[in-house]
Amino acid sequence: MLAALKNACRKVAERHASWLTAPLGLQRLPVHSGERQASFLALVPRKGDSASESAMAALERDCVTELDRFRAPLDQRDVERREPLSLDERRNLLRWGYHHVLAGSVPFPHHPDGSPAS
């Protein structure tokens, strides 16, 4: 399994290698966890750099979709911990394991329960 994960990561990195040297900025993003306010740091494309923004979205999409088979399955506690969720957030959570992933850019049709359409 580890060898397969490394191979999948290598393929994604190779596909995006030319872009991985683009200038990025560091941004603090908020995390809402119950009553506790927290944040995390994220590498983001520079604002207004549409080529980097498009490349980052493509990298995100490929990481999420190509590596999804390696993540642990969700359990009911994961879902309950994230509530309340919008319909789109719930679909993302059930399909991809996280509710704020591929927001607004998922080109894949989904059933109402969040599973991919065949």
Foldseek 3Di string as FASTA:
>chain_A
DVVVLVVLVVVLCVVLVVLVPADWDKDWDWDDQPPDTDTDIDTHHPPPPVVNNVSVLVSLVSCQPSNQVVDDADDPVLVVRPPPDDQQQQLCCNDRVGRPGCVPNDPFDADSNNHGDD
